[in-house]
Amino acid sequence: MPEGHTLHRLARRHQQTFAGRTVHASSPQGRFTAGAARLDGTVLRLARAHGKHLFLGFSPPRPGDADGPGLVPAEPRRRPVRFRKPDRWLHVHLGLYGTFVFGTPPAPPPEGALRLRLETSEAWADLRGPTACEVITGPEVDAIRARLGADPLHPDADPHRAYARIRRSTVPIGALLMQQEVVAGIGNVYRAEVLFRHRLDPWMPGRELAEGEWEALWGDLVVLLKDGVRRGRIVTTLPQDRAHRSGTVRQEEAHYVYRRSGLPCRICATLVVAEPMAGRTLYRCPYCQKSQPE
């Protein structure tokens, strides 16, 4: 499942591609016909992400907006797009199989389960296989975000809100990090890797995590997710822990423990283990991440 950095990259891509433009929206698959009709002919005003959720805000065109498909293409922008408040929002959760693909005209003929296509005279974007794809109101956006935990990629995120839940819980910290109402945007890769980087036992109850440990963990999540947005991929290893220290990081050297079960730990050489936790596969080093004696 795409993790938080992917959704923030998608928000940025939509903003760069469609902001201030009148879009033509369609649902070739037919499962989103009514929703596409509500977006067709509107202008993208704002694209943002919270955790694994993408929100695209639209409103009807007004003088000064750029042209949509079938009209004369707009001149290249020389000034920032004037912000107008959205009056409807497209909410997307990609789930396990959802994808967005972008391109320039001409768009290919629609094929397969194409849930939504957005088009302007200069670009198109296709959405396939999302778990959620719905047009909602501003208050409904606020309600979804209120149910989610702090997003490390939001500058105003409050990590103390997350810790308030963690310190009261007997649930393992490895499971708590995957709960989107605790921390939004963390998936299996970031969970495994950040816990290893801090040598924390994923099975430790949340209430045993010291506040200083949480602050360090949160700070590292901010760094890792920002790096993921920049790179477009998750890289968690430090150069000194890779066989090849310069150049593009090779995929087989990008992680410490994720999907490395049966391979030696990069730090201590103990074999990495994989085990189930809360319905997902957990990866850890039994030595580096063993619980400390009381």
C-alpha atoms as a PDB file:
ATOM      1  CA  MET A   1       0.000   0.000   0.000  1.00  0.00           C
ATOM      2  CA  PRO A   2       1.385   3.463  -0.842  1.00  0.00           C
ATOM      3  CA  GLU A   3       2.664   5.247   2.241  1.00  0.00           C
ATOM      4  CA  GLY A   4       2.346   8.907   3.152  1.00  0.00           C
ATOM      5  CA  HIS A   5       5.189  10.244   1.025  1.00  0.00           C
ATOM      6  CA  THR A   6       3.492   8.894  -2.118  1.00  0.00           C
ATOM      7  CA  LEU A   7       0.242  10.742  -1.405  1.00  0.00           C
ATOM      8  CA  HIS A   8       2.074  14.000  -0.757  1.00  0.00           C
ATOM      9  CA  ARG A   9       3.908  13.584  -4.059  1.00  0.00           C
ATOM     10  CA  LEU A  10       0.567  12.985  -5.777  1.00  0.00           C
ATOM     11  CA  ALA A  11      -0.892  16.119  -4.206  1.00  0.00           C
ATOM     12  CA  ARG A  12       2.094  18.101  -5.447  1.00  0.00           C
ATOM     13  CA  ARG A  13       1.789  16.578  -8.930  1.00  0.00           C
ATOM     14  CA  HIS A  14      -1.923  17.449  -9.184  1.00  0.00           C
ATOM     15  CA  GLN A  15      -1.234  20.969  -7.963  1.00  0.00           C
ATOM     16  CA  GLN A  16       1.512  21.472 -10.526  1.00  0.00           C
ATOM     17  CA  THR A  17      -0.484  19.898 -13.364  1.00  0.00           C
ATOM     18  CA  PHE A  18      -4.060  21.081 -12.865  1.00  0.00           C
ATOM     19  CA  ALA A  19      -4.184  23.976 -10.380  1.00  0.00           C
ATOM     20  CA  GLY A  20      -6.169  26.895 -11.823  1.00  0.00           C
ATOM     21  CA  ARG A  21      -7.192  24.835 -14.850  1.00  0.00           C
ATOM     22  CA  THR A  22     -10.677  23.850 -15.935  1.00  0.00           C
ATOM     23  CA  VAL A  23     -10.769  20.058 -16.075  1.00  0.00           C
ATOM     24  CA  HIS A  24     -12.866  17.597 -17.979  1.00  0.00           C
ATOM     25  CA  ALA A  25     -13.712  14.650 -15.741  1.00  0.00           C
ATOM     26  CA  SER A  26     -15.065  11.299 -16.892  1.00  0.00           C
ATOM     27  CA  SER A  27     -15.456   7.762 -15.579  1.00  0.00           C
ATOM     28  CA  PRO A  28     -14.861   5.378 -18.496  1.00  0.00           C
ATOM     29  CA  GLN A  29     -15.407   2.406 -16.190  1.00  0.00           C
ATOM     30  CA  GLY A  30     -18.810   3.781 -15.217  1.00  0.00           C
ATOM     31  CA  ARG A  31     -18.445   3.290 -11.446  1.00  0.00           C
ATOM     32  CA  PHE A  32     -17.888   6.983 -10.792  1.00  0.00           C
ATOM     33  CA  THR A  33     -20.151   8.584 -13.395  1.00  0.00           C
ATOM     34  CA  ALA A  34     -22.134  10.751 -10.971  1.00  0.00           C
ATOM     35  CA  GLY A  35     -19.022  11.910  -9.161  1.00  0.00           C
ATOM     36  CA  ALA A  36     -17.192  12.714 -12.397  1.00  0.00           C
ATOM     37  CA  ALA A  37     -20.184  14.763 -13.532  1.00  0.00           C
ATOM     38  CA  ARG A  38     -19.862  16.929 -10.410  1.00  0.00           C
ATOM     39  CA  LEU A  39     -16.193  17.599 -11.213  1.00  0.00           C
ATOM     40  CA  ASP A  40     -16.543  18.047 -14.978  1.00  0.00           C
ATOM     41  CA  GLY A  41     -16.011  21.655 -16.009  1.00  0.00           C
ATOM     42  CA  THR A  42     -14.742  22.765 -12.601  1.00  0.00           C
ATOM     43  CA  VAL A  43     -11.326  24.147 -11.676  1.00  0.00           C
ATOM     44  CA  LEU A  44      -8.819  22.517  -9.362  1.00  0.00           C
ATOM     45  CA  ARG A  45      -8.174  24.986  -6.544  1.00  0.00           C
ATOM     46  CA  LEU A  46      -6.158  22.991  -4.035  1.00  0.00           C
ATOM     47  CA  ALA A  47      -4.521  19.580  -3.716  1.00  0.00           C
ATOM     48  CA  ARG A  48      -3.414  18.262  -0.359  1.00  0.00           C
ATOM     49  CA  ALA A  49      -2.734  14.996   1.437  1.00  0.00           C
ATOM     50  CA  HIS A  50      -3.174  13.780   4.976  1.00  0.00           C
ATOM     51  CA  GLY A  51      -1.546  10.467   5.674  1.00  0.00           C
ATOM     52  CA  LYS A  52      -2.706   8.037   3.000  1.00  0.00           C
ATOM     53  CA  HIS A  53      -5.638  10.217   1.915  1.00  0.00           C
ATOM     54  CA  LEU A  54      -5.632  12.596  -1.074  1.00  0.00           C
ATOM     55  CA  PHE A  55      -7.990  15.569  -1.231  1.00  0.00           C
ATOM     56  CA  LEU A  56      -8.491  17.587  -4.433  1.00  0.00           C
ATOM     57  CA  GLY A  57     -10.588  20.728  -4.063  1.00  0.00           C
ATOM     58  CA  PHE A  58     -12.644  22.078  -6.993  1.00  0.00           C
ATOM     59  CA  SER A  59     -15.067  24.912  -7.694  1.00  0.00           C
ATOM     60  CA  PRO A  60     -16.775  26.354 -10.818  1.00  0.00           C
ATOM     61  CA  PRO A  61     -14.660  28.444 -13.194  1.00  0.00           C
ATOM     62  CA  ARG A  62     -14.453  32.206 -12.891  1.00  0.00           C
ATOM     63  CA  PRO A  63     -12.826  34.928 -14.988  1.00  0.00           C
ATOM     64  CA  GLY A  64      -9.080  34.484 -14.954  1.00  0.00           C
ATOM     65  CA  ASP A  65      -9.106  30.701 -14.830  1.00  0.00           C
ATOM     66  CA  ALA A  66      -7.248  28.784 -17.519  1.00  0.00           C
ATOM     67  CA  ASP A  67      -9.038  26.980 -20.348  1.00  0.00           C
ATOM     68  CA  GLY A  68     -10.133  23.379 -20.318  1.00  0.00           C
ATOM     69  CA  PRO A  69      -9.999  20.761 -23.082  1.00  0.00           C
ATOM     70  CA  GLY A  70     -11.558  21.765 -26.375  1.00  0.00           C
ATOM     71  CA  LEU A  71     -10.787  25.439 -25.784  1.00  0.00           C
ATOM     72  CA  VAL A  72      -7.790  27.531 -26.731  1.00  0.00           C
ATOM     73  CA  PRO A  73      -4.892  26.521 -24.460  1.00  0.00           C
ATOM     74  CA  ALA A  74      -4.065  29.066 -21.833  1.00  0.00           C
ATOM     75  CA  GLU A  75      -0.903  31.121 -22.040  1.00  0.00           C
ATOM     76  CA  PRO A  76       1.920  29.974 -19.761  1.00  0.00           C
ATOM     77  CA  ARG A  77       1.415  31.377 -16.291  1.00  0.00           C
ATOM     78  CA  ARG A  78       3.539  34.340 -15.283  1.00  0.00           C
ATOM     79  CA  ARG A  79       1.829  34.913 -11.936  1.00  0.00           C
ATOM     80  CA  PRO A  80       0.733  32.523  -9.175  1.00  0.00           C
ATOM     81  CA  VAL A  81      -2.779  31.120  -9.511  1.00  0.00           C
ATOM     82  CA  ARG A  82      -5.231  33.203  -7.490  1.00  0.00           C
ATOM     83  CA  PHE A  83      -6.681  31.053  -4.741  1.00  0.00           C
ATOM     84  CA  ARG A  84     -10.419  30.506  -4.671  1.00  0.00           C
ATOM     85  CA  LYS A  85     -12.015  28.323  -2.025  1.00  0.00           C
ATOM     86  CA  PRO A  86     -13.170  24.873  -3.210  1.00  0.00           C
ATOM     87  CA  ASP A  87     -16.853  24.029  -2.873  1.00  0.00           C
ATOM     88  CA  ARG A  88     -16.426  20.282  -3.506  1.00  0.00           C
ATOM     89  CA  TRP A  89     -13.639  17.814  -2.873  1.00  0.00           C
ATOM     90  CA  LEU A  90     -12.466  14.609  -4.506  1.00  0.00           C
ATOM     91  CA  HIS A  91     -11.378  12.199  -1.772  1.00  0.00           C
ATOM     92  CA  VAL A  92      -9.120   9.330  -2.863  1.00  0.00           C
ATOM     93  CA  HIS A  93      -7.623   6.485  -0.862  1.00  0.00           C
ATOM     94  CA  LEU A  94      -5.503   4.280  -3.103  1.00  0.00           C
ATOM     95  CA  GLY A  95      -5.592   1.202  -0.876  1.00  0.00           C
ATOM     96  CA  LEU A  96      -3.492  -1.742  -2.029  1.00  0.00           C
ATOM     97  CA  TYR A  97      -4.070  -1.487  -5.746  1.00  0.00           C
ATOM     98  CA  GLY A  98      -4.895   2.125  -6.599  1.00  0.00           C
ATOM     99  CA  THR A  99      -2.672   4.082  -9.003  1.00  0.00           C
ATOM    100  CA  PHE A 100      -2.540   7.471 -10.682  1.00  0.00           C
ATOM    101  CA  VAL A 101      -0.858   7.802 -14.083  1.00  0.00           C
ATOM    102  CA  PHE A 102      -0.156  11.194 -15.683  1.00  0.00           C
ATOM    103  CA  GLY A 103       0.525  12.096 -19.284  1.00  0.00           C
ATOM    104  CA  THR A 104       0.289  14.695 -22.019  1.00  0.00           C
ATOM    105  CA  PRO A 105      -2.240  14.708 -24.908  1.00  0.00           C
ATOM    106  CA  PRO A 106      -3.376  12.785 -26.683  1.00  0.00           C
ATOM    107  CA  ALA A 107      -4.655  10.584 -23.862  1.00  0.00           C
ATOM    108  CA  PRO A 108      -4.740   6.866 -24.726  1.00  0.00           C
ATOM    109  CA  PRO A 109      -8.103   5.224 -25.416  1.00  0.00           C
ATOM    110  CA  PRO A 110      -9.708   4.219 -22.089  1.00  0.00           C
ATOM    111  CA  GLU A 111      -9.213   0.563 -21.239  1.00  0.00           C
ATOM    112  CA  GLY A 112     -10.017  -1.673 -18.297  1.00  0.00           C
ATOM    113  CA  ALA A 113     -11.083  -0.478 -14.860  1.00  0.00           C
ATOM    114  CA  LEU A 114     -10.423   3.242 -15.380  1.00  0.00           C
ATOM    115  CA  ARG A 115     -12.322   4.854 -12.494  1.00  0.00           C
ATOM    116  CA  LEU A 116     -11.581   8.495 -13.276  1.00  0.00           C
ATOM    117  CA  ARG A 117      -9.858  10.523 -15.965  1.00  0.00           C
ATOM    118  CA  LEU A 118      -9.032  14.197 -15.496  1.00  0.00           C
ATOM    119  CA  GLU A 119      -8.066  16.161 -18.612  1.00  0.00           C
ATOM    120  CA  THR A 120      -7.069  19.636 -19.704  1.00  0.00           C
ATOM    121  CA  SER A 121      -5.695  20.822 -23.015  1.00  0.00           C
ATOM    122  CA  GLU A 122      -2.201  20.196 -21.660  1.00  0.00           C
ATOM    123  CA  ALA A 123      -2.346  17.083 -19.474  1.00  0.00           C
ATOM    124  CA  TRP A 124      -4.356  14.097 -18.290  1.00  0.00           C
ATOM    125  CA  ALA A 125      -4.393  11.861 -15.219  1.00  0.00           C
ATOM    126  CA  ASP A 126      -5.954   8.398 -14.885  1.00  0.00           C
ATOM    127  CA  LEU A 127      -7.035   6.811 -11.611  1.00  0.00           C
ATOM    128  CA  ARG A 128      -7.452   3.050 -11.354  1.00  0.00           C
ATOM    129  CA  GLY A 129      -8.307   0.668  -8.536  1.00  0.00           C
ATOM    130  CA  PRO A 130      -8.728   2.991  -5.529  1.00  0.00           C
ATOM    131  CA  THR A 131     -10.321   1.845  -2.300  1.00  0.00           C
ATOM    132  CA  ALA A 132     -12.120   5.189  -2.013  1.00  0.00           C
ATOM    133  CA  CYS A 133     -13.065   7.652  -4.752  1.00  0.00           C
ATOM    134  CA  GLU A 134     -15.842  10.051  -3.799  1.00  0.00           C
ATOM    135  CA  VAL A 135     -16.913  13.670  -4.059  1.00  0.00           C
ATOM    136  CA  ILE A 136     -17.462  15.147  -0.606  1.00  0.00           C
ATOM    137  CA  THR A 137     -17.954  18.498   1.093  1.00  0.00           C
ATOM    138  CA  GLY A 138     -15.494  20.617   3.055  1.00  0.00           C
ATOM    139  CA  PRO A 139     -16.979  19.582   6.417  1.00  0.00           C
ATOM    140  CA  GLU A 140     -16.666  15.939   5.374  1.00  0.00           C
ATOM    141  CA  VAL A 141     -12.985  16.532   4.579  1.00  0.00           C
ATOM    142  CA  ASP A 142     -12.546  18.030   8.036  1.00  0.00           C
ATOM    143  CA  ALA A 143     -14.284  15.035   9.626  1.00  0.00           C
ATOM    144  CA  ILE A 144     -11.962  12.557   7.874  1.00  0.00           C
ATOM    145  CA  ARG A 145      -8.885  14.521   8.866  1.00  0.00           C
ATOM    146  CA  ALA A 146     -10.110  14.788  12.458  1.00  0.00           C
ATOM    147  CA  ARG A 147     -10.219  10.984  12.666  1.00  0.00           C
ATOM    148  CA  LEU A 148      -6.618  10.706  11.463  1.00  0.00           C
ATOM    149  CA  GLY A 149      -3.515  11.052  13.560  1.00  0.00           C
ATOM    150  CA  ALA A 150      -0.744  13.584  13.123  1.00  0.00           C
ATOM    151  CA  ASP A 151       0.954  13.534   9.709  1.00  0.00           C
ATOM    152  CA  PRO A 152       4.752  13.888   9.974  1.00  0.00           C
ATOM    153  CA  LEU A 153       4.764  15.778   6.666  1.00  0.00           C
ATOM    154  CA  HIS A 154       2.533  18.551   8.005  1.00  0.00           C
ATOM    155  CA  PRO A 155       4.559  21.404   9.525  1.00  0.00           C
ATOM    156  CA  ASP A 156       1.826  22.025  12.102  1.00  0.00           C
ATOM    157  CA  ALA A 157       1.442  18.369  13.117  1.00  0.00           C
ATOM    158  CA  ASP A 158       1.300  17.770  16.870  1.00  0.00           C
ATOM    159  CA  PRO A 159       3.390  14.711  17.872  1.00  0.00           C
ATOM    160  CA  HIS A 160       2.260  15.074  21.493  1.00  0.00           C
ATOM    161  CA  ARG A 161      -1.264  14.197  20.415  1.00  0.00           C
ATOM    162  CA  ALA A 162       0.042  10.865  19.131  1.00  0.00           C
ATOM    163  CA  TYR A 163       2.131  10.231  22.217  1.00  0.00           C
ATOM    164  CA  ALA A 164      -0.875  10.870  24.453  1.00  0.00           C
ATOM    165  CA  ARG A 165      -2.490   7.794  22.865  1.00  0.00           C
ATOM    166  CA  ILE A 166       0.686   5.725  22.792  1.00  0.00           C
ATOM    167  CA  ARG A 167       1.578   6.186  26.449  1.00  0.00           C
ATOM    168  CA  ARG A 168      -1.833   4.902  27.577  1.00  0.00           C
ATOM    169  CA  SER A 169      -1.803   1.799  25.391  1.00  0.00           C
ATOM    170  CA  THR A 170      -0.760  -1.776  26.045  1.00  0.00           C
ATOM    171  CA  VAL A 171      -0.723  -2.442  22.293  1.00  0.00           C
ATOM    172  CA  PRO A 172       2.783  -3.069  20.875  1.00  0.00           C
ATOM    173  CA  ILE A 173       4.436   0.044  19.476  1.00  0.00           C
ATOM    174  CA  GLY A 174       4.861  -1.768  16.153  1.00  0.00           C
ATOM    175  CA  ALA A 175       1.086  -2.089  15.849  1.00  0.00           C
ATOM    176  CA  LEU A 176       0.366   1.432  17.112  1.00  0.00           C
ATOM    177  CA  LEU A 177       2.511   2.993  14.394  1.00  0.00           C
ATOM    178  CA  MET A 178       0.329   1.296  11.782  1.00  0.00           C
ATOM    179  CA  GLN A 179      -2.890   2.719  13.224  1.00  0.00           C
ATOM    180  CA  GLN A 180      -3.744   5.737  11.091  1.00  0.00           C
ATOM    181  CA  GLU A 181      -5.628   7.376  13.943  1.00  0.00           C
ATOM    182  CA  VAL A 182      -2.330   7.457  15.873  1.00  0.00           C
ATOM    183  CA  VAL A 183       0.128   8.496  13.159  1.00  0.00           C
ATOM    184  CA  ALA A 184      -1.137   9.165   9.625  1.00  0.00           C
ATOM    185  CA  GLY A 185       0.841   7.953   6.637  1.00  0.00           C
ATOM    186  CA  ILE A 186       3.004   5.251   8.201  1.00  0.00           C
ATOM    187  CA  GLY A 187       2.909   1.848   6.538  1.00  0.00           C
ATOM    188  CA  ASN A 188       4.805  -1.401   6.808  1.00  0.00           C
ATOM    189  CA  VAL A 189       8.084  -0.096   5.400  1.00  0.00           C
ATOM    190  CA  TYR A 190       8.415   3.022   7.525  1.00  0.00           C
ATOM    191  CA  ARG A 191       7.183   1.130  10.593  1.00  0.00           C
ATOM    192  CA  ALA A 192       9.834  -1.582  10.329  1.00  0.00           C
ATOM    193  CA  GLU A 193      12.643   0.744   9.382  1.00  0.00           C
ATOM    194  CA  VAL A 194      12.149   3.536  11.902  1.00  0.00           C
ATOM    195  CA  LEU A 195      11.877   1.054  14.771  1.00  0.00           C
ATOM    196  CA  PHE A 196      15.109  -0.577  13.685  1.00  0.00           C
ATOM    197  CA  ARG A 197      16.888   2.764  13.311  1.00  0.00           C
ATOM    198  CA  HIS A 198      16.051   3.473  16.960  1.00  0.00           C
ATOM    199  CA  ARG A 199      16.750  -0.106  18.110  1.00  0.00           C
ATOM    200  CA  LEU A 200      13.252  -0.433  19.536  1.00  0.00           C
ATOM    201  CA  ASP A 201      11.510  -3.735  20.082  1.00  0.00           C
ATOM    202  CA  PRO A 202       8.295  -3.628  17.995  1.00  0.00           C
ATOM    203  CA  TRP A 203       6.581  -5.799  20.625  1.00  0.00           C
ATOM    204  CA  MET A 204       7.179  -3.306  23.433  1.00  0.00           C
ATOM    205  CA  PRO A 205       3.841  -1.997  24.789  1.00  0.00           C
ATOM    206  CA  GLY A 206       3.234   1.602  23.834  1.00  0.00           C
ATOM    207  CA  ARG A 207       3.023   2.701  27.453  1.00  0.00           C
ATOM    208  CA  GLU A 208       6.660   1.648  27.955  1.00  0.00           C
ATOM    209  CA  LEU A 209       7.921   4.035  25.287  1.00  0.00           C
ATOM    210  CA  ALA A 210       9.585   7.001  26.999  1.00  0.00           C
ATOM    211  CA  GLU A 211       8.632  10.482  25.860  1.00  0.00           C
ATOM    212  CA  GLY A 212      12.219  11.182  24.768  1.00  0.00           C
ATOM    213  CA  GLU A 213      12.209   7.999  22.682  1.00  0.00           C
ATOM    214  CA  TRP A 214       8.967   9.087  21.026  1.00  0.00           C
ATOM    215  CA  GLU A 215      10.319  12.553  20.261  1.00  0.00           C
ATOM    216  CA  ALA A 216      13.387  11.017  18.599  1.00  0.00           C
ATOM    217  CA  LEU A 217      11.190   8.554  16.692  1.00  0.00           C
ATOM    218  CA  TRP A 218       8.881  11.313  15.473  1.00  0.00           C
ATOM    219  CA  GLY A 219      11.780  13.499  14.391  1.00  0.00           C
ATOM    220  CA  ASP A 220      13.197  10.624  12.366  1.00  0.00           C
ATOM    221  CA  LEU A 221       9.811   9.964  10.729  1.00  0.00           C
ATOM    222  CA  VAL A 222       9.716  13.599   9.617  1.00  0.00           C
ATOM    223  CA  VAL A 223      13.191  13.247   8.083  1.00  0.00           C
ATOM    224  CA  LEU A 224      12.453   9.896   6.410  1.00  0.00           C
ATOM    225  CA  LEU A 225       9.115  10.921   4.898  1.00  0.00           C
ATOM    226  CA  LYS A 226      10.525  14.218   3.594  1.00  0.00           C
ATOM    227  CA  ASP A 227      13.328  12.225   2.008  1.00  0.00           C
ATOM    228  CA  GLY A 228      10.734   9.873   0.514  1.00  0.00           C
ATOM    229  CA  VAL A 229       8.905  12.821  -1.045  1.00  0.00           C
ATOM    230  CA  ARG A 230      12.169  14.105  -2.504  1.00  0.00           C
ATOM    231  CA  ARG A 231      13.379  10.759  -3.849  1.00  0.00           C
ATOM    232  CA  GLY A 232      10.046   9.227  -4.795  1.00  0.00           C
ATOM    233  CA  ARG A 233      11.069   6.074  -2.923  1.00  0.00           C
ATOM    234  CA  ILE A 234      11.838   4.913   0.595  1.00  0.00           C
ATOM    235  CA  VAL A 235      15.513   4.824   1.536  1.00  0.00           C
ATOM    236  CA  THR A 236      16.322   4.372   5.222  1.00  0.00           C
ATOM    237  CA  THR A 237      19.908   3.098   5.320  1.00  0.00           C
ATOM    238  CA  LEU A 238      22.824   5.380   6.085  1.00  0.00           C
ATOM    239  CA  PRO A 239      25.712   5.483   3.578  1.00  0.00           C
ATOM    240  CA  GLN A 240      28.115   3.831   6.050  1.00  0.00           C
ATOM    241  CA  ASP A 241      25.770   0.820   6.271  1.00  0.00           C
ATOM    242  CA  ARG A 242      25.737   0.166   2.515  1.00  0.00           C
ATOM    243  CA  ALA A 243      28.271  -1.737   0.423  1.00  0.00           C
ATOM    244  CA  HIS A 244      28.065   1.047  -2.186  1.00  0.00           C
ATOM    245  CA  ARG A 245      28.273   4.397  -0.427  1.00  0.00           C
ATOM    246  CA  SER A 246      28.009   6.737  -3.411  1.00  0.00           C
ATOM    247  CA  GLY A 247      25.690   7.119  -6.363  1.00  0.00           C
ATOM    248  CA  THR A 248      22.046   6.075  -6.554  1.00  0.00           C
ATOM    249  CA  VAL A 249      21.090   3.814  -3.664  1.00  0.00           C
ATOM    250  CA  ARG A 250      20.516   0.286  -4.922  1.00  0.00           C
ATOM    251  CA  GLN A 251      17.158  -1.210  -3.995  1.00  0.00           C
ATOM    252  CA  GLU A 252      18.766  -4.150  -2.232  1.00  0.00           C
ATOM    253  CA  GLU A 253      20.646  -1.683  -0.016  1.00  0.00           C
ATOM    254  CA  ALA A 254      17.768   0.732   0.680  1.00  0.00           C
ATOM    255  CA  HIS A 255      16.398  -0.901   3.850  1.00  0.00           C
ATOM    256  CA  TYR A 256      17.698  -2.349   7.081  1.00  0.00           C
ATOM    257  CA  VAL A 257      15.093  -5.026   7.786  1.00  0.00           C
ATOM    258  CA  TYR A 258      12.048  -4.637   5.524  1.00  0.00           C
ATOM    259  CA  ARG A 259      11.691  -7.752   3.340  1.00  0.00           C
ATOM    260  CA  ARG A 260      15.117  -8.974   4.457  1.00  0.00           C
ATOM    261  CA  SER A 261      13.986 -11.995   6.484  1.00  0.00           C
ATOM    262  CA  GLY A 262      16.694 -14.669   6.614  1.00  0.00           C
ATOM    263  CA  LEU A 263      19.411 -12.189   5.637  1.00  0.00           C
ATOM    264  CA  PRO A 264      22.070 -10.919   8.046  1.00  0.00           C
ATOM    265  CA  CYS A 265      21.409  -7.672   9.871  1.00  0.00           C
ATOM    266  CA  ARG A 266      23.504  -4.871   8.393  1.00  0.00           C
ATOM    267  CA  ILE A 267      24.700  -3.948  11.890  1.00  0.00           C
ATOM    268  CA  CYS A 268      25.157  -7.169  13.896  1.00  0.00           C
ATOM    269  CA  ALA A 269      24.825  -9.979  11.276  1.00  0.00           C
ATOM    270  CA  THR A 270      22.004 -11.708  13.185  1.00  0.00           C
ATOM    271  CA  LEU A 271      19.416 -13.066  10.755  1.00  0.00           C
ATOM    272  CA  VAL A 272      16.435 -10.757  10.260  1.00  0.00           C
ATOM    273  CA  VAL A 273      13.099 -12.352  11.136  1.00  0.00           C
ATOM    274  CA  ALA A 274       9.591 -11.883   9.747  1.00  0.00           C
ATOM    275  CA  GLU A 275       6.538 -12.523  11.882  1.00  0.00           C
ATOM    276  CA  PRO A 276       2.851 -11.576  11.858  1.00  0.00           C
ATOM    277  CA  MET A 277       1.677  -8.543  13.800  1.00  0.00           C
ATOM    278  CA  ALA A 278      -1.876  -7.187  13.605  1.00  0.00           C
ATOM    279  CA  GLY A 279      -2.507  -8.793  10.235  1.00  0.00           C
ATOM    280  CA  ARG A 280       0.704  -7.548   8.591  1.00  0.00           C
ATOM    281  CA  THR A 281       4.229  -8.920   8.312  1.00  0.00           C
ATOM    282  CA  LEU A 282       6.679  -7.402  10.782  1.00  0.00           C
ATOM    283  CA  TYR A 283      10.425  -7.391  10.085  1.00  0.00           C
ATOM    284  CA  ARG A 284      13.008  -6.938  12.839  1.00  0.00           C
ATOM    285  CA  CYS A 285      16.455  -7.877  14.051  1.00  0.00           C
ATOM    286  CA  PRO A 286      16.143 -10.122  17.150  1.00  0.00           C
ATOM    287  CA  TYR A 287      19.436  -8.830  18.552  1.00  0.00           C
ATOM    288  CA  CYS A 288      19.494  -5.102  17.735  1.00  0.00           C
ATOM    289  CA  GLN A 289      15.835  -4.737  18.696  1.00  0.00           C
ATOM    290  CA  LYS A 290      15.650  -6.992  21.733  1.00  0.00           C
ATOM    291  CA  SER A 291      13.906  -5.601  24.793  1.00  0.00           C
ATOM    292  CA  GLN A 292      16.232  -4.083  27.346  1.00  0.00           C
ATOM    293  CA  PRO A 293      16.197  -5.754  30.783  1.00  0.00           C
ATOM    294  CA  GLU A 294      14.446  -3.734  33.481  1.00  0.00           C
END
